[in-house]
């Protein structure tokens, strides 16, 4: 099967009904284990910026809205929605299971480490 445009090495493309995939046009809620990795910079207040990831309980298909093609991933980078979270709000969940609700966007910066990001509106 040909790779989906935007898929990266290590991600498998898939053909599946759009209803079976996490999609960009809707709010999603997903469970998994939250982990992090330190980024290369610290702000003026000494805060170490981290990239957060949610490792799914089982691999999920991620697809554009209405598409029958996507890619399968075992984890996704989580970015806090600045309207709801302060710096460090995810730290208390690190190393634990979490349920996150939010929307998907495509990665577009060098500190985006998965092809799709989940902009988190809620974590519990």
N, C-alpha and C. Protein backbone atom coordinates (compact mmCIF):
# COMPACT_ATOMS: atom_id res chain seq x y z
N UNK A 1 0.84 -1.17 0.00
CA UNK A 1 0.00 0.00 0.00
C UNK A 1 0.89 1.24 0.00
N UNK A 2 0.58 2.21 -0.79
CA UNK A 2 1.37 3.43 -0.87
C UNK A 2 1.23 4.23 0.42
N UNK A 3 2.29 4.92 0.78
CA UNK A 3 2.27 5.74 2.00
C UNK A 3 1.37 6.95 1.79
N UNK A 4 0.68 7.32 2.82
CA UNK A 4 -0.16 8.50 2.82
C UNK A 4 0.71 9.74 2.85
N UNK A 5 0.40 10.76 2.04
CA UNK A 5 1.18 12.00 2.13
C UNK A 5 1.14 12.51 3.57
N UNK A 6 2.29 12.87 4.10
CA UNK A 6 2.37 13.37 5.46
C UNK A 6 2.70 12.29 6.47
N UNK A 7 2.60 11.01 6.05
CA UNK A 7 2.97 9.93 6.96
C UNK A 7 4.48 9.93 7.11
N UNK A 8 4.96 9.49 8.24
CA UNK A 8 6.39 9.49 8.48
C UNK A 8 6.87 8.06 8.66
N UNK A 9 8.19 7.87 8.58
CA UNK A 9 8.74 6.54 8.78
C UNK A 9 8.29 6.00 10.13
N UNK A 10 7.93 4.74 10.15
CA UNK A 10 7.48 4.13 11.39
C UNK A 10 5.97 4.17 11.56
N UNK A 11 5.29 4.95 10.74
CA UNK A 11 3.82 5.02 10.78
C UNK A 11 3.31 4.22 9.59
N UNK A 12 2.36 3.34 9.80
CA UNK A 12 1.81 2.53 8.73
C UNK A 12 0.55 3.17 8.19
N UNK A 13 0.45 3.25 6.86
CA UNK A 13 -0.78 3.78 6.27
C UNK A 13 -1.85 2.71 6.37
N UNK A 14 -3.11 3.15 6.31
CA UNK A 14 -4.21 2.20 6.43
C UNK A 14 -5.37 2.67 5.57
N UNK A 15 -6.20 1.74 5.19
CA UNK A 15 -7.46 2.04 4.52
C UNK A 15 -8.54 1.55 5.47
N UNK A 16 -9.37 2.45 5.92
CA UNK A 16 -10.40 2.07 6.88
C UNK A 16 -11.58 3.02 6.75
N UNK A 17 -12.75 2.62 7.20
CA UNK A 17 -13.88 3.53 7.15
C UNK A 17 -13.59 4.75 8.02
N UNK A 18 -13.94 5.93 7.56
CA UNK A 18 -13.63 7.14 8.31
C UNK A 18 -14.21 7.10 9.71
N UNK A 19 -15.29 6.39 9.92
CA UNK A 19 -15.90 6.30 11.24
C UNK A 19 -15.01 5.54 12.23
N UNK A 20 -14.05 4.75 11.72
CA UNK A 20 -13.16 3.98 12.58
C UNK A 20 -11.90 4.75 12.95
N UNK A 21 -11.70 5.93 12.38
CA UNK A 21 -10.48 6.70 12.59
C UNK A 21 -10.73 7.93 13.46
N UNK A 22 -9.68 8.37 14.16
CA UNK A 22 -9.70 9.67 14.81
C UNK A 22 -9.62 10.69 13.68
N UNK A 23 -10.49 11.70 13.69
CA UNK A 23 -10.54 12.64 12.58
C UNK A 23 -10.36 14.08 13.01
N UNK A 24 -9.92 14.88 12.06
CA UNK A 24 -9.62 16.29 12.31
C UNK A 24 -10.84 17.17 12.49
N UNK A 25 -12.01 16.77 12.04
CA UNK A 25 -13.17 17.66 12.05
C UNK A 25 -14.07 17.49 13.27
N UNK A 26 -13.59 16.79 14.30
CA UNK A 26 -14.43 16.57 15.45
C UNK A 26 -13.61 16.53 16.73
N UNK A 27 -14.27 16.80 17.84
CA UNK A 27 -13.62 16.66 19.14
C UNK A 27 -13.48 15.18 19.43
N UNK A 28 -12.31 14.79 19.88
CA UNK A 28 -12.08 13.39 20.21
C UNK A 28 -11.77 13.26 21.70
N UNK A 29 -11.98 12.07 22.23
CA UNK A 29 -11.61 11.74 23.59
C UNK A 29 -10.88 10.42 23.54
N UNK A 30 -9.69 10.37 24.11
CA UNK A 30 -8.85 9.18 23.99
C UNK A 30 -8.12 8.91 25.30
N UNK A 31 -7.90 7.63 25.60
CA UNK A 31 -7.21 7.21 26.82
C UNK A 31 -5.82 6.70 26.49
N UNK A 32 -4.94 6.78 27.48
CA UNK A 32 -3.61 6.22 27.32
C UNK A 32 -2.70 6.63 28.45
N UNK A 33 -1.42 6.38 28.28
CA UNK A 33 -0.40 6.71 29.28
C UNK A 33 0.33 7.97 28.84
N UNK A 34 0.45 8.93 29.76
CA UNK A 34 1.08 10.21 29.45
C UNK A 34 2.57 10.18 29.82
N UNK A 35 3.40 10.58 28.88
CA UNK A 35 4.84 10.66 29.11
C UNK A 35 5.34 11.99 28.56
N UNK A 36 6.60 12.30 28.82
CA UNK A 36 7.15 13.55 28.30
C UNK A 36 8.61 13.40 27.95
N UNK A 37 9.11 14.40 27.27
CA UNK A 37 10.52 14.48 26.91
C UNK A 37 10.90 15.95 26.96
N UNK A 38 12.03 16.25 27.58
CA UNK A 38 12.48 17.63 27.71
C UNK A 38 12.88 18.19 26.36
N UNK A 39 12.46 19.42 26.10
CA UNK A 39 12.88 20.11 24.89
C UNK A 39 14.24 20.77 25.15
N UNK A 40 14.76 21.42 24.16
CA UNK A 40 16.11 21.98 24.26
C UNK A 40 16.16 23.36 24.88
N UNK A 41 15.06 23.86 25.44
CA UNK A 41 15.13 25.22 25.96
C UNK A 41 14.38 25.38 27.27
N UNK A 42 14.80 26.39 28.00
CA UNK A 42 14.23 26.78 29.28
C UNK A 42 13.90 28.26 29.17
N UNK A 43 12.76 28.69 29.74
CA UNK A 43 12.41 30.11 29.64
C UNK A 43 13.12 30.94 30.71
N UNK A 44 12.89 32.25 30.71
CA UNK A 44 13.57 33.16 31.63
C UNK A 44 13.25 32.89 33.09
N UNK A 45 12.14 32.22 33.36
CA UNK A 45 11.75 31.90 34.73
C UNK A 45 12.28 30.53 35.17
N UNK A 46 13.07 29.87 34.31
CA UNK A 46 13.65 28.58 34.67
C UNK A 46 12.75 27.38 34.37
N UNK A 47 11.65 27.59 33.66
CA UNK A 47 10.74 26.49 33.34
C UNK A 47 11.31 25.68 32.18
N UNK A 48 11.47 24.37 32.39
CA UNK A 48 11.94 23.46 31.34
C UNK A 48 10.75 23.05 30.49
N UNK A 49 10.76 23.42 29.24
CA UNK A 49 9.67 23.03 28.35
C UNK A 49 9.79 21.56 27.99
N UNK A 50 8.65 20.88 27.95
CA UNK A 50 8.59 19.46 27.67
C UNK A 50 7.60 19.21 26.54
N UNK A 51 7.85 18.15 25.78
CA UNK A 51 6.88 17.64 24.82
C UNK A 51 6.17 16.50 25.52
N UNK A 52 4.83 16.51 25.48
CA UNK A 52 4.04 15.47 26.11
C UNK A 52 3.45 14.54 25.05
N UNK A 53 3.34 13.26 25.41
CA UNK A 53 2.83 12.25 24.49
C UNK A 53 1.81 11.39 25.20
N UNK A 54 0.80 10.98 24.46
CA UNK A 54 -0.16 10.01 24.96
C UNK A 54 0.05 8.74 24.15
N UNK A 55 0.44 7.65 24.84
CA UNK A 55 0.57 6.35 24.20
C UNK A 55 -0.77 5.65 24.35
N UNK A 56 -1.40 5.34 23.23
CA UNK A 56 -2.73 4.75 23.22
C UNK A 56 -2.74 3.36 23.83
N UNK A 57 -3.90 2.94 24.32
CA UNK A 57 -4.07 1.57 24.82
C UNK A 57 -3.91 0.55 23.69
N UNK A 58 -4.30 0.94 22.49
CA UNK A 58 -4.10 0.12 21.29
C UNK A 58 -3.91 1.09 20.12
N UNK A 59 -3.22 0.67 19.06
CA UNK A 59 -2.99 1.58 17.92
C UNK A 59 -4.31 2.12 17.35
N UNK A 60 -4.26 3.36 16.88
CA UNK A 60 -5.43 4.02 16.29
C UNK A 60 -5.11 4.53 14.90
N UNK A 61 -6.13 4.50 14.06
CA UNK A 61 -6.05 5.12 12.74
C UNK A 61 -6.34 6.60 12.91
N UNK A 62 -5.58 7.45 12.26
CA UNK A 62 -5.80 8.90 12.25
C UNK A 62 -5.96 9.31 10.79
N UNK A 63 -7.04 10.02 10.49
CA UNK A 63 -7.33 10.38 9.09
C UNK A 63 -7.89 11.79 8.99
N UNK A 64 -7.70 12.38 7.83
CA UNK A 64 -8.33 13.67 7.55
C UNK A 64 -9.84 13.49 7.49
N UNK A 65 -10.57 14.55 7.73
CA UNK A 65 -12.03 14.50 7.72
C UNK A 65 -12.55 13.93 6.41
N UNK A 66 -13.42 12.92 6.50
CA UNK A 66 -14.05 12.34 5.33
C UNK A 66 -13.17 11.41 4.51
N UNK A 67 -11.93 11.22 4.92
CA UNK A 67 -11.02 10.37 4.16
C UNK A 67 -11.14 8.91 4.58
N UNK A 68 -11.00 8.01 3.63
CA UNK A 68 -10.97 6.58 3.94
C UNK A 68 -9.54 6.07 4.10
N UNK A 69 -8.57 6.97 4.05
CA UNK A 69 -7.16 6.60 4.20
C UNK A 69 -6.55 7.40 5.33
N UNK A 70 -5.72 6.77 6.09
CA UNK A 70 -5.05 7.44 7.20
C UNK A 70 -3.76 6.72 7.52
N UNK A 71 -3.29 6.90 8.73
CA UNK A 71 -2.12 6.16 9.18
C UNK A 71 -2.38 5.66 10.59
N UNK A 72 -1.73 4.57 10.92
CA UNK A 72 -1.89 3.95 12.23
C UNK A 72 -0.76 4.43 13.13
N UNK A 73 -1.12 4.82 14.34
CA UNK A 73 -0.13 5.31 15.28
C UNK A 73 -0.38 4.73 16.66
N UNK A 74 0.68 4.58 17.43
CA UNK A 74 0.58 4.10 18.80
C UNK A 74 0.60 5.23 19.81
N UNK A 75 1.01 6.44 19.37
CA UNK A 75 1.03 7.57 20.27
C UNK A 75 0.87 8.87 19.51
N UNK A 76 0.56 9.92 20.27
CA UNK A 76 0.36 11.23 19.67
C UNK A 76 0.92 12.28 20.61
N UNK A 77 1.48 13.33 20.05
CA UNK A 77 1.97 14.43 20.88
C UNK A 77 0.77 15.26 21.35
N UNK A 78 0.80 15.63 22.63
CA UNK A 78 -0.26 16.41 23.24
C UNK A 78 0.24 17.83 23.47
N UNK A 79 -0.55 18.80 23.04
CA UNK A 79 -0.21 20.21 23.24
C UNK A 79 -1.33 20.84 24.04
N UNK A 80 -1.03 21.51 25.15
CA UNK A 80 -2.09 22.11 25.95
C UNK A 80 -2.71 23.32 25.25
N UNK A 81 -4.02 23.40 25.28
CA UNK A 81 -4.72 24.57 24.75
C UNK A 81 -4.47 25.72 25.73
N UNK A 82 -3.82 26.77 25.27
CA UNK A 82 -3.42 27.88 26.13
C UNK A 82 -4.61 28.59 26.77
N UNK A 83 -5.80 28.43 26.21
CA UNK A 83 -6.99 29.05 26.80
C UNK A 83 -7.41 28.34 28.09
N UNK A 84 -6.96 27.09 28.29
CA UNK A 84 -7.40 26.29 29.43
C UNK A 84 -6.29 25.92 30.41
N UNK A 85 -5.04 25.91 29.96
CA UNK A 85 -3.96 25.39 30.79
C UNK A 85 -2.86 26.42 30.99
N UNK A 86 -2.21 26.31 32.13
CA UNK A 86 -1.02 27.10 32.44
C UNK A 86 0.21 26.22 32.20
N UNK A 87 1.39 26.83 32.19
CA UNK A 87 2.63 26.06 32.07
C UNK A 87 2.69 25.02 33.19
N UNK A 88 3.04 23.82 32.86
CA UNK A 88 3.23 22.79 33.86
C UNK A 88 1.98 22.04 34.27
N UNK A 89 0.81 22.39 33.73
CA UNK A 89 -0.42 21.72 34.14
C UNK A 89 -0.45 20.23 33.82
N UNK A 90 0.32 19.78 32.84
CA UNK A 90 0.33 18.35 32.49
C UNK A 90 1.28 17.56 33.38
N UNK A 91 2.17 18.26 34.09
CA UNK A 91 3.22 17.58 34.86
C UNK A 91 2.64 16.59 35.87
N UNK A 92 1.54 16.93 36.52
CA UNK A 92 0.97 16.04 37.54
C UNK A 92 0.43 14.74 36.94
N UNK A 93 0.20 14.70 35.63
CA UNK A 93 -0.32 13.50 34.98
C UNK A 93 0.77 12.63 34.37
N UNK A 94 2.00 13.14 34.34
CA UNK A 94 3.11 12.42 33.71
C UNK A 94 3.32 11.07 34.39
N UNK A 95 3.46 10.02 33.57
CA UNK A 95 3.67 8.68 34.07
C UNK A 95 2.39 7.98 34.51
N UNK A 96 1.25 8.63 34.28
CA UNK A 96 -0.03 8.06 34.68
C UNK A 96 -0.92 7.86 33.46
N UNK A 97 -2.00 7.12 33.68
CA UNK A 97 -3.03 6.99 32.65
C UNK A 97 -3.87 8.26 32.66
N UNK A 98 -4.28 8.69 31.49
CA UNK A 98 -5.07 9.92 31.39
C UNK A 98 -6.11 9.77 30.29
N UNK A 99 -7.18 10.54 30.41
CA UNK A 99 -8.18 10.68 29.34
C UNK A 99 -8.09 12.13 28.89
N UNK A 100 -7.89 12.31 27.59
CA UNK A 100 -7.71 13.65 27.04
C UNK A 100 -8.77 13.91 25.99
N UNK A 101 -9.34 15.10 26.04
CA UNK A 101 -10.33 15.54 25.06
C UNK A 101 -9.79 16.77 24.34
N UNK A 102 -9.96 16.79 23.02
CA UNK A 102 -9.49 17.94 22.25
C UNK A 102 -9.66 17.70 20.76
N UNK A 103 -8.91 18.46 19.98
CA UNK A 103 -8.98 18.37 18.52
C UNK A 103 -7.62 18.13 17.91
N UNK A 104 -7.61 17.55 16.73
CA UNK A 104 -6.38 17.20 16.03
C UNK A 104 -5.95 18.31 15.08
N UNK A 105 -4.65 18.50 14.97
CA UNK A 105 -4.04 19.39 13.97
C UNK A 105 -2.81 18.69 13.41
N UNK A 106 -2.40 19.08 12.22
CA UNK A 106 -1.17 18.54 11.63
C UNK A 106 0.05 19.22 12.25
N UNK A 107 1.12 18.48 12.40
CA UNK A 107 2.38 19.03 12.90
C UNK A 107 2.94 20.01 11.88
N UNK A 108 3.54 21.10 12.38
CA UNK A 108 4.08 22.08 11.44
C UNK A 108 5.34 22.77 11.94
N UNK A 109 5.80 22.44 13.16
CA UNK A 109 7.02 23.07 13.67
C UNK A 109 8.03 21.99 14.03
N UNK A 110 9.29 22.39 14.21
CA UNK A 110 10.34 21.41 14.51
C UNK A 110 10.17 20.74 15.86
N UNK A 111 9.45 21.36 16.81
CA UNK A 111 9.25 20.71 18.10
C UNK A 111 8.00 19.83 18.12
N UNK A 112 7.34 19.68 16.97
CA UNK A 112 6.23 18.73 16.84
C UNK A 112 6.84 17.41 16.41
N UNK A 113 6.71 16.41 17.26
CA UNK A 113 7.46 15.17 17.08
C UNK A 113 6.63 14.01 16.56
N UNK A 114 5.33 14.22 16.38
CA UNK A 114 4.47 13.23 15.72
C UNK A 114 3.77 13.97 14.58
N UNK A 115 3.33 13.26 13.54
CA UNK A 115 2.74 13.94 12.38
C UNK A 115 1.42 14.64 12.69
N UNK A 116 0.77 14.24 13.77
CA UNK A 116 -0.49 14.84 14.20
C UNK A 116 -0.37 15.20 15.67
N UNK A 117 -0.95 16.33 16.05
CA UNK A 117 -0.96 16.75 17.44
C UNK A 117 -2.40 16.76 17.95
N UNK A 118 -2.55 16.51 19.24
CA UNK A 118 -3.85 16.64 19.90
C UNK A 118 -3.80 17.88 20.76
N UNK A 119 -4.58 18.90 20.42
CA UNK A 119 -4.67 20.12 21.22
C UNK A 119 -5.66 19.82 22.34
N UNK A 120 -5.13 19.68 23.57
CA UNK A 120 -5.94 19.23 24.70
C UNK A 120 -6.75 20.37 25.29
N UNK A 121 -8.05 20.14 25.38
CA UNK A 121 -8.96 21.06 26.06
C UNK A 121 -9.26 20.57 27.48
N UNK A 122 -9.11 19.27 27.71
CA UNK A 122 -9.40 18.70 29.01
C UNK A 122 -8.53 17.47 29.23
N UNK A 123 -8.07 17.31 30.47
CA UNK A 123 -7.30 16.11 30.84
C UNK A 123 -7.78 15.67 32.22
N UNK A 124 -7.95 14.36 32.35
CA UNK A 124 -8.32 13.82 33.66
C UNK A 124 -7.74 12.44 33.84
